[in-house]
Amino acid sequence: MNEDAFNISLRGFLKKVGITSQREIEAAIRGALADGRLKGNETIPARMTLHLGGIDFTHVVEARIDLE
């Protein structure tokens, strides 16, 4: 395995996940605030599931997102 290529590829993937996830979460929260599904003082449970195809690996991260 080429460690440099692996590191570059992995960092690119993680950057894409971080940026796109933040945008999607922000849009979903703002939409829910706009249409009244959220008031703006909630704590939202969040779960991110990572799956690597071909090696049957799954990793779940759970956290809470505070709006206030």
N, C-alpha and C. Protein backbone atom coordinates (compact mmCIF):
# COMPACT_ATOMS: atom_id res chain seq x y z
N MET A 1 0.84 -1.17 0.00
CA MET A 1 0.00 0.00 0.00
C MET A 1 0.89 1.24 0.00
N ASN A 2 0.48 2.22 -0.77
CA ASN A 2 1.19 3.49 -0.81
C ASN A 2 0.62 4.39 0.28
N GLU A 3 1.37 4.57 1.36
CA GLU A 3 0.90 5.33 2.51
C GLU A 3 0.54 6.77 2.16
N ASP A 4 1.35 7.40 1.32
CA ASP A 4 1.07 8.78 0.94
C ASP A 4 -0.24 8.89 0.16
N ALA A 5 -0.44 8.02 -0.80
CA ALA A 5 -1.68 8.04 -1.59
C ALA A 5 -2.88 7.76 -0.69
N PHE A 6 -2.73 6.80 0.21
CA PHE A 6 -3.81 6.47 1.15
C PHE A 6 -4.16 7.67 2.02
N ASN A 7 -3.14 8.32 2.60
CA ASN A 7 -3.36 9.48 3.46
C ASN A 7 -4.05 10.61 2.71
N ILE A 8 -3.60 10.91 1.51
CA ILE A 8 -4.20 11.98 0.71
C ILE A 8 -5.64 11.66 0.39
N SER A 9 -5.90 10.44 -0.02
CA SER A 9 -7.26 10.02 -0.35
C SER A 9 -8.17 10.06 0.87
N LEU A 10 -7.69 9.56 1.99
CA LEU A 10 -8.47 9.55 3.22
C LEU A 10 -8.78 10.96 3.70
N ARG A 11 -7.79 11.83 3.68
CA ARG A 11 -8.01 13.22 4.09
C ARG A 11 -9.01 13.92 3.17
N GLY A 12 -8.94 13.64 1.88
CA GLY A 12 -9.91 14.21 0.95
C GLY A 12 -11.32 13.74 1.24
N PHE A 13 -11.46 12.46 1.53
CA PHE A 13 -12.77 11.91 1.87
C PHE A 13 -13.31 12.55 3.14
N LEU A 14 -12.49 12.63 4.18
CA LEU A 14 -12.93 13.21 5.45
C LEU A 14 -13.28 14.68 5.31
N LYS A 15 -12.53 15.42 4.49
CA LYS A 15 -12.84 16.82 4.25
C LYS A 15 -14.20 16.95 3.57
N LYS A 16 -14.44 16.11 2.57
CA LYS A 16 -15.72 16.13 1.87
C LYS A 16 -16.87 15.78 2.81
N VAL A 17 -16.69 14.77 3.65
CA VAL A 17 -17.71 14.38 4.62
C VAL A 17 -18.00 15.54 5.57
N GLY A 18 -16.96 16.16 6.09
CA GLY A 18 -17.14 17.24 7.05
C GLY A 18 -17.85 18.44 6.46
N ILE A 19 -17.41 18.88 5.29
CA ILE A 19 -17.99 20.07 4.67
C ILE A 19 -19.43 19.80 4.23
N THR A 20 -19.67 18.70 3.54
CA THR A 20 -21.03 18.44 3.05
C THR A 20 -21.98 18.14 4.20
N SER A 21 -21.51 17.45 5.22
CA SER A 21 -22.37 17.15 6.37
C SER A 21 -22.77 18.42 7.10
N GLN A 22 -21.82 19.33 7.29
CA GLN A 22 -22.14 20.58 7.98
C GLN A 22 -23.18 21.36 7.19
N ARG A 23 -23.00 21.46 5.88
CA ARG A 23 -23.96 22.19 5.04
C ARG A 23 -25.35 21.57 5.13
N GLU A 24 -25.43 20.25 5.05
CA GLU A 24 -26.73 19.57 5.08
C GLU A 24 -27.41 19.72 6.44
N ILE A 25 -26.64 19.61 7.51
CA ILE A 25 -27.20 19.77 8.85
C ILE A 25 -27.71 21.20 9.04
N GLU A 26 -26.92 22.18 8.64
CA GLU A 26 -27.34 23.57 8.76
C GLU A 26 -28.63 23.81 7.98
N ALA A 27 -28.70 23.31 6.75
CA ALA A 27 -29.90 23.50 5.93
C ALA A 27 -31.12 22.82 6.56
N ALA A 28 -30.93 21.62 7.09
CA ALA A 28 -32.04 20.89 7.70
C ALA A 28 -32.54 21.60 8.95
N ILE A 29 -31.63 22.09 9.77
CA ILE A 29 -32.01 22.79 11.00
C ILE A 29 -32.71 24.10 10.66
N ARG A 30 -32.15 24.85 9.72
CA ARG A 30 -32.79 26.12 9.34
C ARG A 30 -34.18 25.89 8.74
N GLY A 31 -34.31 24.84 7.94
CA GLY A 31 -35.62 24.51 7.37
C GLY A 31 -36.62 24.14 8.44
N ALA A 32 -36.18 23.36 9.42
CA ALA A 32 -37.07 22.96 10.52
C ALA A 32 -37.45 24.15 11.39
N LEU A 33 -36.54 25.10 11.56
CA LEU A 33 -36.86 26.32 12.30
C LEU A 33 -37.87 27.16 11.53
N ALA A 34 -37.66 27.26 10.22
CA ALA A 34 -38.54 28.09 9.39
C ALA A 34 -39.96 27.56 9.33
N ASP A 35 -40.11 26.24 9.31
CA ASP A 35 -41.48 25.70 9.19
C ASP A 35 -42.09 25.29 10.54
N GLY A 36 -41.40 25.62 11.62
CA GLY A 36 -41.97 25.41 12.94
C GLY A 36 -41.76 24.05 13.57
N ARG A 37 -41.01 23.17 12.92
CA ARG A 37 -40.75 21.86 13.52
C ARG A 37 -39.78 21.97 14.70
N LEU A 38 -38.98 23.04 14.71
CA LEU A 38 -38.08 23.32 15.82
C LEU A 38 -38.35 24.74 16.32
N LYS A 39 -38.11 24.95 17.61
CA LYS A 39 -38.29 26.27 18.21
C LYS A 39 -36.97 27.04 18.30
N GLY A 40 -35.86 26.30 18.35
CA GLY A 40 -34.56 26.95 18.43
C GLY A 40 -33.87 26.78 19.76
N ASN A 41 -34.51 26.08 20.68
CA ASN A 41 -33.90 25.87 22.00
C ASN A 41 -33.66 24.38 22.29
N GLU A 42 -33.80 23.55 21.26
CA GLU A 42 -33.68 22.11 21.44
C GLU A 42 -32.23 21.63 21.42
N THR A 43 -32.07 20.40 21.88
CA THR A 43 -30.85 19.64 21.68
C THR A 43 -31.24 18.48 20.77
N ILE A 44 -30.57 18.38 19.63
CA ILE A 44 -30.94 17.40 18.61
C ILE A 44 -29.98 16.21 18.67
N PRO A 45 -30.49 14.99 18.82
CA PRO A 45 -29.59 13.84 18.74
C PRO A 45 -29.15 13.64 17.30
N ALA A 46 -27.89 13.30 17.12
CA ALA A 46 -27.34 13.10 15.78
C ALA A 46 -26.57 11.79 15.74
N ARG A 47 -26.63 11.14 14.58
CA ARG A 47 -25.89 9.89 14.38
C ARG A 47 -25.31 9.90 12.97
N MET A 48 -24.03 9.55 12.88
CA MET A 48 -23.36 9.43 11.60
C MET A 48 -22.86 8.00 11.49
N THR A 49 -23.20 7.34 10.40
CA THR A 49 -22.77 5.97 10.18
C THR A 49 -21.80 5.93 9.01
N LEU A 50 -20.64 5.37 9.25
CA LEU A 50 -19.61 5.20 8.22
C LEU A 50 -19.54 3.73 7.87
N HIS A 51 -19.61 3.43 6.59
CA HIS A 51 -19.49 2.04 6.16
C HIS A 51 -18.44 1.95 5.07
N LEU A 52 -17.51 1.03 5.24
CA LEU A 52 -16.50 0.78 4.22
C LEU A 52 -16.88 -0.49 3.48
N GLY A 53 -17.25 -0.34 2.22
CA GLY A 53 -17.61 -1.49 1.41
C GLY A 53 -16.40 -2.37 1.14
N GLY A 54 -16.66 -3.62 0.99
CA GLY A 54 -15.58 -4.56 0.66
C GLY A 54 -14.89 -5.18 1.85
N ILE A 55 -15.00 -4.54 3.02
CA ILE A 55 -14.36 -5.14 4.21
C ILE A 55 -15.34 -5.25 5.37
N ASP A 56 -16.61 -4.99 5.12
CA ASP A 56 -17.66 -5.14 6.13
C ASP A 56 -17.32 -4.41 7.42
N PHE A 57 -17.00 -3.12 7.29
CA PHE A 57 -16.66 -2.29 8.44
C PHE A 57 -17.70 -1.19 8.58
N THR A 58 -18.26 -1.04 9.78
CA THR A 58 -19.20 0.03 10.07
C THR A 58 -18.80 0.69 11.38
N HIS A 59 -18.85 2.02 11.38
CA HIS A 59 -18.51 2.79 12.58
C HIS A 59 -19.61 3.83 12.76
N VAL A 60 -20.16 3.91 13.97
CA VAL A 60 -21.24 4.84 14.27
C VAL A 60 -20.75 5.86 15.29
N VAL A 61 -21.01 7.13 15.00
CA VAL A 61 -20.71 8.22 15.93
C VAL A 61 -22.02 8.87 16.32
N GLU A 62 -22.25 9.01 17.62
CA GLU A 62 -23.46 9.65 18.11
C GLU A 62 -23.09 10.84 18.96
N ALA A 63 -23.87 11.91 18.83
CA ALA A 63 -23.64 13.11 19.61
C ALA A 63 -24.93 13.90 19.68
N ARG A 64 -24.87 15.01 20.33
CA ARG A 64 -26.05 15.89 20.41
C ARG A 64 -25.63 17.26 19.89
N ILE A 65 -26.55 17.89 19.18
CA ILE A 65 -26.30 19.23 18.64
C ILE A 65 -27.19 20.19 19.40
N ASP A 66 -26.58 21.10 20.12
CA ASP A 66 -27.31 22.08 20.93
C ASP A 66 -27.64 23.30 20.06
N LEU A 67 -28.89 23.70 20.08
CA LEU A 67 -29.30 24.89 19.32
C LEU A 67 -29.27 26.15 20.18
N GLU A 68 -29.15 25.98 21.47
CA GLU A 68 -29.11 27.13 22.36
C GLU A 68 -27.97 27.01 23.33
